Amino acid sequence: MKATGRLIRCSLVIALTVPMLFWFSSCQKTEQAKVQEQQQATQKLATIGNLQTAYGSELKRSLWYDRFSKQAMKENLGDIAVLFRALSHSEKVHAEAAAKLLRSKGVEPVVPAIDSIVPGKAKQYLKLSLSNENLEQNIYAADTTKAQEEHFAEAAEWFRRALEADGRHARLLKKAIEQETNFARLPYLMCPECGYIVGSDKMEECPVCKTKKDKFQKI
C-alpha cells in the first residue's frame, strides 16, 4: 500500500510539473517573439538608417581630423594641430555612442570605407572642416525631428547632443580661420559622454548633457 501511495504521489507531481514546464517554455517563447518583433519594428524605422549614416560620418571625420592634425604639426602649426586633435576625439565619442545605440536595437553598425583626402595645407583643411560641420548640423537637425516623429527618444537625444557638439566644432573652426596666425591654443577639455569640447576650465558642467567638470578629459 505504501508503494502504491508513493506511486500515486509521484504521478501527481509529474502531472502537475509537466504542464508547468510547458507553460514556462511557452512564456519564454512568447517573450522572445515579442523582443524579436520589437527589434524588427525598430529596424524598419528611418532613424535606424540615419544612425547608420551618422555613425559612418562621425567615424570618417574622426580619422580625417587626426590626419589634419598631423599635417598641421608638419607645418609647425601646433595650435591648429591641437584643435584638430580635439575634434577627432569628439567625433570618435559620437561614433562610439551611435554604435552602442544601434547595437542596443539589435543592429550591427556598418564600418564605412574611408574616402581618400586630397593633399592640402592645414588652413585649407580648416575651411573644408567648417563646411562639413555646417552641413552635418543641417542633417542632424532633420534627423532629430524624424527620430521624434518615430518616437525614438534615445536616437533623438543622440542627434541633439551631436548637433550641439558639431555647432561647437563649427564655432571653433570659424574662429581659427578668422584669427589665422593669431589663433590661440585653448585648454581643450572634452565631455566624455557627448563629445562637447569645452574651451574653459571654469565651466562646471557640460552645457549639453550636464556631465560634471571632474569627468572632463583634457586634450
N, C-alpha and C. Protein backbone atom coordinates (compact mmCIF):
# COMPACT_ATOMS: atom_id res chain seq x y z
N MET A 1 0.83 -1.20 0.00
CA MET A 1 0.00 0.00 0.00
C MET A 1 0.86 1.26 0.00
N LYS A 2 1.96 1.21 0.83
CA LYS A 2 2.86 2.36 0.87
C LYS A 2 3.44 2.64 -0.50
N ALA A 3 3.84 1.56 -1.18
CA ALA A 3 4.43 1.70 -2.51
C ALA A 3 3.40 2.31 -3.47
N THR A 4 2.15 1.87 -3.31
CA THR A 4 1.09 2.40 -4.18
C THR A 4 0.88 3.89 -3.92
N GLY A 5 0.95 4.29 -2.61
CA GLY A 5 0.78 5.70 -2.25
C GLY A 5 1.88 6.56 -2.84
N ARG A 6 3.13 6.06 -2.75
CA ARG A 6 4.26 6.83 -3.30
C ARG A 6 4.10 6.95 -4.81
N LEU A 7 3.64 5.90 -5.43
CA LEU A 7 3.46 5.91 -6.89
C LEU A 7 2.41 6.94 -7.29
N ILE A 8 1.33 6.99 -6.49
CA ILE A 8 0.27 7.97 -6.78
C ILE A 8 0.79 9.39 -6.63
N ARG A 9 1.57 9.63 -5.52
CA ARG A 9 2.11 10.97 -5.29
C ARG A 9 3.05 11.38 -6.42
N CYS A 10 3.90 10.44 -6.84
CA CYS A 10 4.84 10.75 -7.94
C CYS A 10 4.08 11.07 -9.22
N SER A 11 3.01 10.31 -9.44
CA SER A 11 2.21 10.55 -10.64
C SER A 11 1.58 11.94 -10.61
N LEU A 12 1.13 12.34 -9.39
CA LEU A 12 0.53 13.67 -9.25
C LEU A 12 1.57 14.78 -9.50
N VAL A 13 2.78 14.57 -8.93
CA VAL A 13 3.86 15.56 -9.12
C VAL A 13 4.18 15.72 -10.60
N ILE A 14 4.31 14.58 -11.29
CA ILE A 14 4.62 14.61 -12.72
C ILE A 14 3.49 15.29 -13.49
N ALA A 15 2.26 14.95 -13.09
CA ALA A 15 1.09 15.51 -13.79
C ALA A 15 1.04 17.03 -13.64
N LEU A 16 1.48 17.52 -12.47
CA LEU A 16 1.48 18.97 -12.24
C LEU A 16 2.69 19.65 -12.85
N THR A 17 3.84 18.97 -12.79
CA THR A 17 5.10 19.57 -13.24
C THR A 17 5.18 19.73 -14.74
N VAL A 18 4.78 18.69 -15.47
CA VAL A 18 4.90 18.73 -16.94
C VAL A 18 4.14 19.91 -17.55
N PRO A 19 2.88 20.15 -17.17
CA PRO A 19 2.18 21.31 -17.73
C PRO A 19 2.87 22.64 -17.38
N MET A 20 3.42 22.70 -16.14
CA MET A 20 4.10 23.93 -15.73
C MET A 20 5.34 24.18 -16.59
N LEU A 21 6.08 23.09 -16.88
CA LEU A 21 7.26 23.22 -17.72
C LEU A 21 6.87 23.72 -19.11
N PHE A 22 5.78 23.15 -19.62
CA PHE A 22 5.31 23.60 -20.93
C PHE A 22 4.88 25.06 -20.87
N TRP A 23 4.26 25.45 -19.74
CA TRP A 23 3.79 26.84 -19.58
C TRP A 23 4.96 27.80 -19.54
N PHE A 24 6.01 27.45 -18.74
CA PHE A 24 7.20 28.30 -18.68
C PHE A 24 7.87 28.41 -20.05
N SER A 25 7.97 27.28 -20.74
CA SER A 25 8.58 27.25 -22.06
C SER A 25 7.80 28.13 -23.03
N SER A 26 6.48 28.05 -22.93
CA SER A 26 5.62 28.85 -23.80
C SER A 26 5.79 30.34 -23.52
N CYS A 27 5.90 30.69 -22.23
CA CYS A 27 6.08 32.09 -21.83
C CYS A 27 7.40 32.64 -22.38
N GLN A 28 8.46 31.80 -22.24
CA GLN A 28 9.76 32.22 -22.74
C GLN A 28 9.72 32.47 -24.24
N LYS A 29 9.07 31.56 -24.96
CA LYS A 29 8.96 31.72 -26.41
C LYS A 29 8.16 32.96 -26.76
N THR A 30 7.12 33.24 -25.99
CA THR A 30 6.29 34.42 -26.23
C THR A 30 7.11 35.69 -26.03
N GLU A 31 7.89 35.74 -24.92
CA GLU A 31 8.73 36.90 -24.64
C GLU A 31 9.78 37.08 -25.73
N GLN A 32 10.41 35.99 -26.15
CA GLN A 32 11.41 36.06 -27.20
C GLN A 32 10.79 36.57 -28.50
N ALA A 33 9.59 36.12 -28.79
CA ALA A 33 8.91 36.58 -30.00
C ALA A 33 8.61 38.07 -29.93
N LYS A 34 8.20 38.54 -28.74
CA LYS A 34 7.92 39.96 -28.58
C LYS A 34 9.18 40.79 -28.79
N VAL A 35 10.30 40.33 -28.23
CA VAL A 35 11.56 41.04 -28.38
C VAL A 35 11.96 41.10 -29.86
N GLN A 36 11.82 39.98 -30.55
CA GLN A 36 12.15 39.92 -31.97
C GLN A 36 11.26 40.85 -32.78
N GLU A 37 9.98 40.88 -32.45
CA GLU A 37 9.05 41.77 -33.15
C GLU A 37 9.43 43.23 -32.93
N GLN A 38 9.80 43.56 -31.68
CA GLN A 38 10.19 44.93 -31.37
C GLN A 38 11.45 45.33 -32.12
N GLN A 39 12.41 44.40 -32.18
CA GLN A 39 13.65 44.68 -32.90
C GLN A 39 13.38 44.86 -34.39
N GLN A 40 12.54 43.99 -34.95
CA GLN A 40 12.22 44.10 -36.37
C GLN A 40 11.49 45.41 -36.67
N ALA A 41 10.59 45.81 -35.77
CA ALA A 41 9.86 47.06 -35.97
C ALA A 41 10.82 48.25 -35.91
N THR A 42 11.74 48.20 -34.94
CA THR A 42 12.71 49.28 -34.78
C THR A 42 13.60 49.41 -36.00
N GLN A 43 14.04 48.26 -36.52
CA GLN A 43 14.96 48.26 -37.65
C GLN A 43 14.33 48.82 -38.92
N LYS A 44 13.00 48.87 -38.97
CA LYS A 44 12.32 49.42 -40.14
C LYS A 44 12.23 50.94 -40.08
N LEU A 45 12.54 51.53 -38.94
CA LEU A 45 12.45 52.98 -38.80
C LEU A 45 13.51 53.68 -39.65
N ALA A 46 13.14 54.82 -40.20
CA ALA A 46 14.09 55.62 -40.98
C ALA A 46 15.25 56.07 -40.10
N THR A 47 14.98 56.24 -38.81
CA THR A 47 16.00 56.71 -37.89
C THR A 47 17.16 55.74 -37.77
N ILE A 48 16.89 54.44 -37.91
CA ILE A 48 17.98 53.47 -37.87
C ILE A 48 18.95 53.73 -39.02
N GLY A 49 18.42 53.97 -40.20
CA GLY A 49 19.26 54.29 -41.35
C GLY A 49 20.02 55.59 -41.13
N ASN A 50 19.36 56.57 -40.51
CA ASN A 50 20.02 57.85 -40.22
C ASN A 50 21.16 57.66 -39.23
N LEU A 51 20.95 56.78 -38.25
CA LEU A 51 22.00 56.50 -37.28
C LEU A 51 23.19 55.79 -37.93
N GLN A 52 22.89 54.88 -38.84
CA GLN A 52 23.95 54.19 -39.57
C GLN A 52 24.79 55.19 -40.35
N THR A 53 24.12 56.10 -41.04
CA THR A 53 24.81 57.13 -41.82
C THR A 53 25.64 58.03 -40.91
N ALA A 54 25.04 58.40 -39.79
CA ALA A 54 25.74 59.27 -38.84
C ALA A 54 26.97 58.58 -38.27
N TYR A 55 26.83 57.30 -37.94
CA TYR A 55 27.97 56.53 -37.41
C TYR A 55 29.13 56.57 -38.40
N GLY A 56 28.84 56.29 -39.67
CA GLY A 56 29.88 56.29 -40.68
C GLY A 56 30.51 57.66 -40.85
N SER A 57 29.68 58.68 -40.84
CA SER A 57 30.16 60.05 -41.00
C SER A 57 31.06 60.47 -39.84
N GLU A 58 30.63 60.15 -38.62
CA GLU A 58 31.41 60.52 -37.43
C GLU A 58 32.76 59.80 -37.42
N LEU A 59 32.74 58.53 -37.79
CA LEU A 59 33.98 57.75 -37.80
C LEU A 59 34.95 58.29 -38.84
N LYS A 60 34.44 58.63 -40.02
CA LYS A 60 35.30 59.17 -41.07
C LYS A 60 35.89 60.51 -40.65
N ARG A 61 35.08 61.38 -40.08
CA ARG A 61 35.60 62.68 -39.70
C ARG A 61 36.63 62.57 -38.58
N SER A 62 36.44 61.61 -37.69
CA SER A 62 37.43 61.40 -36.64
C SER A 62 38.78 61.07 -37.24
N LEU A 63 38.80 60.19 -38.24
CA LEU A 63 40.05 59.81 -38.90
C LEU A 63 40.62 60.96 -39.71
N TRP A 64 39.75 61.70 -40.38
CA TRP A 64 40.21 62.84 -41.17
C TRP A 64 40.87 63.89 -40.27
N TYR A 65 40.20 64.22 -39.16
CA TYR A 65 40.74 65.25 -38.27
C TYR A 65 42.09 64.83 -37.69
N ASP A 66 42.24 63.54 -37.45
CA ASP A 66 43.54 63.05 -36.97
C ASP A 66 44.61 63.30 -38.03
N ARG A 67 44.29 63.06 -39.28
CA ARG A 67 45.24 63.31 -40.37
C ARG A 67 45.52 64.81 -40.53
N PHE A 68 44.46 65.61 -40.40
CA PHE A 68 44.64 67.06 -40.49
C PHE A 68 45.56 67.56 -39.38
N SER A 69 45.41 66.98 -38.20
CA SER A 69 46.26 67.36 -37.07
C SER A 69 47.73 67.08 -37.37
N LYS A 70 47.99 65.93 -37.95
CA LYS A 70 49.37 65.58 -38.30
C LYS A 70 49.93 66.51 -39.35
N GLN A 71 49.09 66.93 -40.31
CA GLN A 71 49.55 67.87 -41.33
C GLN A 71 49.88 69.22 -40.70
N ALA A 72 49.05 69.66 -39.75
CA ALA A 72 49.31 70.93 -39.07
C ALA A 72 50.63 70.88 -38.31
N MET A 73 50.93 69.75 -37.71
CA MET A 73 52.19 69.60 -37.00
C MET A 73 53.37 69.69 -37.95
N LYS A 74 53.22 69.14 -39.16
CA LYS A 74 54.29 69.23 -40.15
C LYS A 74 54.56 70.68 -40.54
N GLU A 75 53.51 71.51 -40.47
CA GLU A 75 53.64 72.92 -40.83
C GLU A 75 53.97 73.79 -39.62
N ASN A 76 54.26 73.13 -38.49
CA ASN A 76 54.57 73.84 -37.24
C ASN A 76 53.42 74.73 -36.77
N LEU A 77 52.21 74.28 -37.04
CA LEU A 77 51.01 74.98 -36.57
C LEU A 77 50.42 74.20 -35.40
N GLY A 78 51.14 74.26 -34.28
CA GLY A 78 50.77 73.45 -33.13
C GLY A 78 49.39 73.73 -32.60
N ASP A 79 48.97 75.00 -32.62
CA ASP A 79 47.66 75.35 -32.07
C ASP A 79 46.53 74.74 -32.90
N ILE A 80 46.71 74.79 -34.22
CA ILE A 80 45.70 74.19 -35.10
C ILE A 80 45.72 72.67 -34.98
N ALA A 81 46.92 72.11 -34.80
CA ALA A 81 47.04 70.66 -34.64
C ALA A 81 46.26 70.19 -33.42
N VAL A 82 46.36 70.96 -32.33
CA VAL A 82 45.64 70.59 -31.10
C VAL A 82 44.14 70.70 -31.31
N LEU A 83 43.69 71.71 -32.04
CA LEU A 83 42.27 71.85 -32.34
C LEU A 83 41.76 70.64 -33.11
N PHE A 84 42.49 70.25 -34.15
CA PHE A 84 42.06 69.10 -34.94
C PHE A 84 42.06 67.82 -34.10
N ARG A 85 43.03 67.71 -33.19
CA ARG A 85 43.08 66.54 -32.32
C ARG A 85 41.85 66.50 -31.41
N ALA A 86 41.46 67.66 -30.90
CA ALA A 86 40.27 67.74 -30.05
C ALA A 86 39.02 67.34 -30.84
N LEU A 87 38.93 67.82 -32.08
CA LEU A 87 37.79 67.48 -32.93
C LEU A 87 37.74 65.98 -33.22
N SER A 88 38.91 65.40 -33.45
CA SER A 88 38.99 63.97 -33.74
C SER A 88 38.47 63.15 -32.56
N HIS A 89 38.86 63.53 -31.35
CA HIS A 89 38.41 62.82 -30.15
C HIS A 89 36.89 62.95 -29.98
N SER A 90 36.39 64.15 -30.24
CA SER A 90 34.96 64.40 -30.10
C SER A 90 34.14 63.53 -31.07
N GLU A 91 34.58 63.48 -32.32
CA GLU A 91 33.86 62.69 -33.31
C GLU A 91 33.92 61.20 -32.98
N LYS A 92 35.02 60.77 -32.40
CA LYS A 92 35.13 59.36 -32.01
C LYS A 92 34.11 59.02 -30.93
N VAL A 93 33.92 59.93 -29.98
CA VAL A 93 32.91 59.73 -28.93
C VAL A 93 31.53 59.60 -29.57
N HIS A 94 31.24 60.46 -30.56
CA HIS A 94 29.95 60.40 -31.24
C HIS A 94 29.76 59.05 -31.94
N ALA A 95 30.80 58.62 -32.65
CA ALA A 95 30.70 57.35 -33.38
C ALA A 95 30.47 56.19 -32.43
N GLU A 96 31.17 56.16 -31.32
CA GLU A 96 31.02 55.06 -30.37
C GLU A 96 29.62 55.07 -29.75
N ALA A 97 29.09 56.25 -29.48
CA ALA A 97 27.75 56.34 -28.90
C ALA A 97 26.69 55.88 -29.90
N ALA A 98 26.87 56.24 -31.17
CA ALA A 98 25.93 55.80 -32.20
C ALA A 98 25.97 54.29 -32.37
N ALA A 99 27.18 53.73 -32.35
CA ALA A 99 27.33 52.26 -32.48
C ALA A 99 26.66 51.55 -31.31
N LYS A 100 26.84 52.08 -30.12
CA LYS A 100 26.24 51.48 -28.93
C LYS A 100 24.72 51.50 -29.02
N LEU A 101 24.17 52.61 -29.50
CA LEU A 101 22.72 52.74 -29.62
C LEU A 101 22.18 51.77 -30.67
N LEU A 102 22.87 51.64 -31.79
CA LEU A 102 22.45 50.71 -32.83
C LEU A 102 22.45 49.27 -32.30
N ARG A 103 23.51 48.91 -31.61
CA ARG A 103 23.61 47.53 -31.08
C ARG A 103 22.52 47.26 -30.05
N SER A 104 22.14 48.27 -29.30
CA SER A 104 21.08 48.08 -28.30
C SER A 104 19.74 47.75 -28.96
N LYS A 105 19.63 48.07 -30.25
CA LYS A 105 18.41 47.79 -31.00
C LYS A 105 18.58 46.59 -31.92
N GLY A 106 19.66 45.83 -31.70
CA GLY A 106 19.88 44.61 -32.49
C GLY A 106 20.43 44.86 -33.88
N VAL A 107 21.04 46.03 -34.09
CA VAL A 107 21.59 46.39 -35.40
C VAL A 107 23.10 46.55 -35.28
N GLU A 108 23.84 45.88 -36.12
CA GLU A 108 25.30 45.99 -36.10
C GLU A 108 25.72 47.18 -36.98
N PRO A 109 26.46 48.14 -36.42
CA PRO A 109 26.89 49.29 -37.22
C PRO A 109 27.83 48.87 -38.34
N VAL A 110 27.66 49.50 -39.49
CA VAL A 110 28.46 49.18 -40.67
C VAL A 110 29.65 50.13 -40.74
N VAL A 111 30.86 49.56 -40.73
CA VAL A 111 32.07 50.38 -40.82
C VAL A 111 32.21 50.88 -42.26
N PRO A 112 32.32 52.18 -42.45
CA PRO A 112 32.35 52.73 -43.81
C PRO A 112 33.73 52.64 -44.45
N ALA A 113 33.74 52.74 -45.77
CA ALA A 113 35.01 52.88 -46.48
C ALA A 113 35.46 54.33 -46.29
N ILE A 114 36.72 54.50 -45.92
CA ILE A 114 37.23 55.84 -45.65
C ILE A 114 37.75 56.45 -46.95
N ASP A 115 37.10 57.53 -47.38
CA ASP A 115 37.49 58.19 -48.62
C ASP A 115 38.88 58.80 -48.50
N SER A 116 39.60 58.80 -49.60
CA SER A 116 40.92 59.43 -49.61
C SER A 116 40.77 60.95 -49.53
N ILE A 117 41.77 61.62 -49.02
CA ILE A 117 41.73 63.06 -48.85
C ILE A 117 42.71 63.70 -49.82
N VAL A 118 42.25 64.74 -50.50
CA VAL A 118 43.13 65.46 -51.42
C VAL A 118 44.22 66.15 -50.61
N PRO A 119 45.48 65.96 -50.94
CA PRO A 119 46.57 66.60 -50.19
C PRO A 119 46.38 68.12 -50.16
N GLY A 120 46.61 68.69 -49.01
CA GLY A 120 46.46 70.14 -48.88
C GLY A 120 47.16 70.65 -47.64
N LYS A 121 46.97 71.92 -47.38
CA LYS A 121 47.57 72.57 -46.22
C LYS A 121 46.56 72.62 -45.07
N ALA A 122 47.09 72.80 -43.88
CA ALA A 122 46.24 72.79 -42.68
C ALA A 122 45.14 73.83 -42.74
N LYS A 123 45.45 75.03 -43.25
CA LYS A 123 44.44 76.09 -43.29
C LYS A 123 43.35 75.79 -44.32
N GLN A 124 43.71 75.05 -45.36
CA GLN A 124 42.69 74.59 -46.31
C GLN A 124 41.77 73.58 -45.63
N TYR A 125 42.36 72.74 -44.80
CA TYR A 125 41.59 71.73 -44.08
C TYR A 125 40.64 72.38 -43.07
N LEU A 126 41.03 73.54 -42.53
CA LEU A 126 40.13 74.25 -41.62
C LEU A 126 38.84 74.62 -42.34
N LYS A 127 38.96 75.15 -43.55
CA LYS A 127 37.79 75.58 -44.32
C LYS A 127 36.95 74.37 -44.73
N LEU A 128 37.61 73.30 -45.15
CA LEU A 128 36.89 72.08 -45.52
C LEU A 128 36.12 71.53 -44.33
N SER A 129 36.77 71.53 -43.18
CA SER A 129 36.14 71.01 -41.96
C SER A 129 34.94 71.84 -41.54
N LEU A 130 35.06 73.17 -41.66
CA LEU A 130 33.94 74.04 -41.30
C LEU A 130 32.75 73.78 -42.21
N SER A 131 33.00 73.60 -43.49
CA SER A 131 31.93 73.30 -44.43
C SER A 131 31.23 71.99 -44.07
N ASN A 132 32.02 70.97 -43.71
CA ASN A 132 31.45 69.68 -43.33
C ASN A 132 30.61 69.78 -42.06
N GLU A 133 31.12 70.53 -41.09
CA GLU A 133 30.40 70.67 -39.81
C GLU A 133 29.08 71.40 -40.00
N ASN A 134 29.07 72.44 -40.84
CA ASN A 134 27.83 73.17 -41.10
C ASN A 134 26.81 72.27 -41.79
N LEU A 135 27.28 71.47 -42.74
CA LEU A 135 26.39 70.54 -43.44
C LEU A 135 25.82 69.51 -42.47
N GLU A 136 26.68 69.01 -41.58
CA GLU A 136 26.27 67.99 -40.62
C GLU A 136 25.20 68.53 -39.67
N GLN A 137 25.31 69.78 -39.30
CA GLN A 137 24.31 70.36 -38.40
C GLN A 137 22.93 70.38 -39.06
N ASN A 138 22.87 70.72 -40.34
CA ASN A 138 21.59 70.72 -41.05
C ASN A 138 20.99 69.32 -41.10
N ILE A 139 21.86 68.34 -41.35
CA ILE A 139 21.40 66.95 -41.43
C ILE A 139 20.89 66.47 -40.08
N TYR A 140 21.64 66.76 -39.01
CA TYR A 140 21.26 66.29 -37.69
C TYR A 140 19.99 66.97 -37.17
N ALA A 141 19.77 68.20 -37.58
CA ALA A 141 18.53 68.88 -37.18
C ALA A 141 17.33 68.14 -37.77
N ALA A 142 17.44 67.74 -39.03
CA ALA A 142 16.36 66.98 -39.67
C ALA A 142 16.23 65.59 -39.06
N ASP A 143 17.37 64.96 -38.75
CA ASP A 143 17.35 63.62 -38.16
C ASP A 143 16.72 63.64 -36.77
N THR A 144 16.95 64.70 -36.03
CA THR A 144 16.34 64.83 -34.70
C THR A 144 14.82 64.86 -34.81
N THR A 145 14.34 65.66 -35.76
CA THR A 145 12.90 65.76 -35.98
C THR A 145 12.30 64.42 -36.38
N LYS A 146 12.98 63.71 -37.28
CA LYS A 146 12.49 62.40 -37.72
C LYS A 146 12.44 61.41 -36.55
N ALA A 147 13.47 61.39 -35.72
CA ALA A 147 13.50 60.49 -34.57
C ALA A 147 12.36 60.79 -33.61
N GLN A 148 12.05 62.06 -33.44
CA GLN A 148 10.93 62.45 -32.57
C GLN A 148 9.61 61.99 -33.18
N GLU A 149 9.47 62.12 -34.49
CA GLU A 149 8.25 61.68 -35.17
C GLU A 149 8.04 60.17 -35.02
N GLU A 150 9.15 59.43 -35.01
CA GLU A 150 9.08 57.97 -34.89
C GLU A 150 9.13 57.51 -33.44
N HIS A 151 9.06 58.46 -32.51
CA HIS A 151 9.05 58.17 -31.07
C HIS A 151 10.27 57.35 -30.65
N PHE A 152 11.39 57.66 -31.25
CA PHE A 152 12.66 57.00 -30.94
C PHE A 152 13.46 57.98 -30.07
N ALA A 153 13.11 58.02 -28.79
CA ALA A 153 13.63 59.05 -27.88
C ALA A 153 15.15 59.01 -27.74
N GLU A 154 15.72 57.79 -27.64
CA GLU A 154 17.17 57.69 -27.44
C GLU A 154 17.92 58.25 -28.64
N ALA A 155 17.42 57.99 -29.84
CA ALA A 155 18.07 58.50 -31.05
C ALA A 155 17.92 60.01 -31.14
N ALA A 156 16.73 60.51 -30.79
CA ALA A 156 16.51 61.96 -30.83
C ALA A 156 17.48 62.67 -29.90
N GLU A 157 17.73 62.07 -28.73
CA GLU A 157 18.68 62.66 -27.78
C GLU A 157 20.10 62.59 -28.33
N TRP A 158 20.45 61.46 -28.98
CA TRP A 158 21.79 61.34 -29.56
C TRP A 158 22.01 62.42 -30.63
N PHE A 159 21.04 62.58 -31.52
CA PHE A 159 21.17 63.59 -32.57
C PHE A 159 21.24 64.99 -31.98
N ARG A 160 20.48 65.24 -30.93
CA ARG A 160 20.52 66.56 -30.28
C ARG A 160 21.91 66.85 -29.74
N ARG A 161 22.49 65.87 -29.06
CA ARG A 161 23.82 66.06 -28.49
C ARG A 161 24.87 66.26 -29.58
N ALA A 162 24.79 65.44 -30.63
CA ALA A 162 25.74 65.56 -31.73
C ALA A 162 25.60 66.91 -32.42
N LEU A 163 24.36 67.37 -32.55
CA LEU A 163 24.10 68.67 -33.17
C LEU A 163 24.74 69.80 -32.36
N GLU A 164 24.57 69.76 -31.06
CA GLU A 164 25.16 70.77 -30.18
C GLU A 164 26.69 70.74 -30.25
N ALA A 165 27.25 69.54 -30.22
CA ALA A 165 28.71 69.39 -30.26
C ALA A 165 29.27 69.86 -31.60
N ASP A 166 28.58 69.55 -32.70
CA ASP A 166 29.04 69.98 -34.01
C ASP A 166 28.92 71.49 -34.17
N GLY A 167 27.93 72.07 -33.53
CA GLY A 167 27.83 73.53 -33.54
C GLY A 167 29.04 74.16 -32.87
N ARG A 168 29.49 73.54 -31.80
CA ARG A 168 30.70 73.99 -31.10
C ARG A 168 31.92 73.82 -32.00
N HIS A 169 31.98 72.69 -32.71
CA HIS A 169 33.09 72.47 -33.64
C HIS A 169 33.16 73.60 -34.67
N ALA A 170 31.99 73.93 -35.23
CA ALA A 170 31.93 74.96 -36.27
C ALA A 170 32.41 76.30 -35.74
N ARG A 171 32.03 76.64 -34.51
CA ARG A 171 32.45 77.92 -33.94
C ARG A 171 33.97 77.96 -33.73
N LEU A 172 34.54 76.85 -33.27
CA LEU A 172 35.98 76.80 -33.06
C LEU A 172 36.73 76.90 -34.39
N LEU A 173 36.24 76.21 -35.40
CA LEU A 173 36.88 76.26 -36.72
C LEU A 173 36.77 77.65 -37.33
N LYS A 174 35.62 78.27 -37.21
CA LYS A 174 35.42 79.62 -37.74
C LYS A 174 36.37 80.61 -37.07
N LYS A 175 36.52 80.47 -35.78
CA LYS A 175 37.41 81.35 -35.04
C LYS A 175 38.86 81.15 -35.49
N ALA A 176 39.26 79.90 -35.71
CA ALA A 176 40.62 79.60 -36.15
C ALA A 176 40.88 80.19 -37.54
N ILE A 177 39.90 80.13 -38.41
CA ILE A 177 40.04 80.68 -39.76
C ILE A 177 40.16 82.20 -39.71
N GLU A 178 39.33 82.82 -38.89
CA GLU A 178 39.31 84.29 -38.80
C GLU A 178 40.57 84.85 -38.17
N GLN A 179 41.12 84.15 -37.20
CA GLN A 179 42.29 84.67 -36.49
C GLN A 179 43.60 84.31 -37.16
N GLU A 180 43.57 83.33 -38.05
CA GLU A 180 44.76 82.90 -38.80
C GLU A 180 45.94 82.66 -37.87
N THR A 181 47.04 83.41 -38.07
CA THR A 181 48.27 83.17 -37.30
C THR A 181 48.13 83.58 -35.84
N ASN A 182 47.10 84.35 -35.51
CA ASN A 182 46.92 84.80 -34.13
C ASN A 182 46.03 83.85 -33.33
N PHE A 183 45.69 82.71 -33.95
CA PHE A 183 44.83 81.74 -33.28
C PHE A 183 45.52 81.20 -32.03
N ALA A 184 44.86 81.32 -30.90
CA ALA A 184 45.47 80.92 -29.62
C ALA A 184 45.04 79.51 -29.23
N ARG A 185 45.99 78.77 -28.68
CA ARG A 185 45.68 77.43 -28.20
C ARG A 185 44.84 77.52 -26.93
N LEU A 186 43.74 76.82 -26.93
CA LEU A 186 42.86 76.82 -25.76
C LEU A 186 43.12 75.57 -24.92
N PRO A 187 42.79 75.62 -23.63
CA PRO A 187 42.93 74.43 -22.78
C PRO A 187 41.75 73.49 -23.03
N TYR A 188 41.81 72.78 -24.15
CA TYR A 188 40.66 71.97 -24.55
C TYR A 188 40.36 70.87 -23.54
N LEU A 189 39.10 70.83 -23.14
CA LEU A 189 38.57 69.75 -22.31
C LEU A 189 37.39 69.17 -23.06
N MET A 190 37.17 67.88 -22.92
CA MET A 190 36.08 67.25 -23.65
C MET A 190 35.19 66.46 -22.72
N CYS A 191 33.88 66.61 -22.93
CA CYS A 191 32.92 65.80 -22.18
C CYS A 191 32.96 64.39 -22.75
N PRO A 192 33.24 63.39 -21.92
CA PRO A 192 33.33 62.01 -22.43
C PRO A 192 31.98 61.39 -22.77
N GLU A 193 30.90 62.02 -22.33
CA GLU A 193 29.57 61.47 -22.57
C GLU A 193 29.00 61.89 -23.92
N CYS A 194 29.18 63.16 -24.30
CA CYS A 194 28.57 63.65 -25.55
C CYS A 194 29.59 64.23 -26.53
N GLY A 195 30.85 64.33 -26.12
CA GLY A 195 31.88 64.82 -27.03
C GLY A 195 31.96 66.33 -27.15
N TYR A 196 31.20 67.06 -26.34
CA TYR A 196 31.25 68.52 -26.41
C TYR A 196 32.63 69.00 -25.97
N ILE A 197 33.22 69.91 -26.74
CA ILE A 197 34.55 70.44 -26.43
C ILE A 197 34.41 71.73 -25.63
N VAL A 198 35.00 71.73 -24.47
CA VAL A 198 34.95 72.88 -23.57
C VAL A 198 36.26 73.65 -23.69
N GLY A 199 36.17 74.95 -23.87
CA GLY A 199 37.37 75.76 -24.04
C GLY A 199 37.78 76.50 -22.78
N SER A 200 37.16 76.16 -21.66
CA SER A 200 37.49 76.85 -20.41
C SER A 200 37.37 75.87 -19.25
N ASP A 201 38.36 75.91 -18.36
CA ASP A 201 38.30 75.03 -17.20
C ASP A 201 37.43 75.62 -16.09
N LYS A 202 36.77 76.74 -16.38
CA LYS A 202 35.89 77.37 -15.40
C LYS A 202 34.46 76.85 -15.51
N MET A 203 34.16 76.13 -16.59
CA MET A 203 32.82 75.59 -16.77
C MET A 203 32.60 74.42 -15.82
N GLU A 204 31.55 74.45 -15.05
CA GLU A 204 31.31 73.46 -14.00
C GLU A 204 30.66 72.18 -14.51
N GLU A 205 29.98 72.27 -15.63
CA GLU A 205 29.34 71.08 -16.20
C GLU A 205 29.16 71.24 -17.70
N CYS A 206 28.96 70.14 -18.37
CA CYS A 206 28.75 70.17 -19.82
C CYS A 206 27.41 70.85 -20.11
N PRO A 207 27.38 71.83 -21.00
CA PRO A 207 26.13 72.53 -21.31
C PRO A 207 25.14 71.68 -22.09
N VAL A 208 25.59 70.54 -22.62
CA VAL A 208 24.73 69.69 -23.44
C VAL A 208 24.09 68.56 -22.63
N CYS A 209 24.94 67.81 -21.88
CA CYS A 209 24.41 66.63 -21.18
C CYS A 209 24.55 66.72 -19.65
N LYS A 210 25.09 67.84 -19.16
CA LYS A 210 25.20 68.12 -17.72
C LYS A 210 26.20 67.23 -16.98
N THR A 211 27.10 66.58 -17.70
CA THR A 211 28.17 65.82 -17.04
C THR A 211 29.06 66.80 -16.27
N LYS A 212 29.45 66.42 -15.05
CA LYS A 212 30.19 67.33 -14.19
C LYS A 212 31.65 67.51 -14.65
N LYS A 213 32.20 68.63 -14.26
CA LYS A 213 33.53 69.06 -14.65
C LYS A 213 34.62 68.02 -14.35
N ASP A 214 34.49 67.33 -13.21
CA ASP A 214 35.53 66.38 -12.80
C ASP A 214 35.63 65.18 -13.74
N LYS A 215 34.65 65.01 -14.64
CA LYS A 215 34.68 63.90 -15.61
C LYS A 215 35.31 64.33 -16.94
N PHE A 216 35.51 65.63 -17.13
CA PHE A 216 36.04 66.11 -18.40
C PHE A 216 37.44 65.53 -18.67
N GLN A 217 37.71 65.29 -19.95
CA GLN A 217 39.03 64.77 -20.36
C GLN A 217 39.83 65.90 -20.99
N LYS A 218 41.08 66.03 -20.56
CA LYS A 218 41.95 67.06 -21.12
C LYS A 218 42.58 66.55 -22.41
N ILE A 219 42.60 67.43 -23.43
CA ILE A 219 43.18 67.05 -24.72
C ILE A 219 44.44 67.88 -24.96
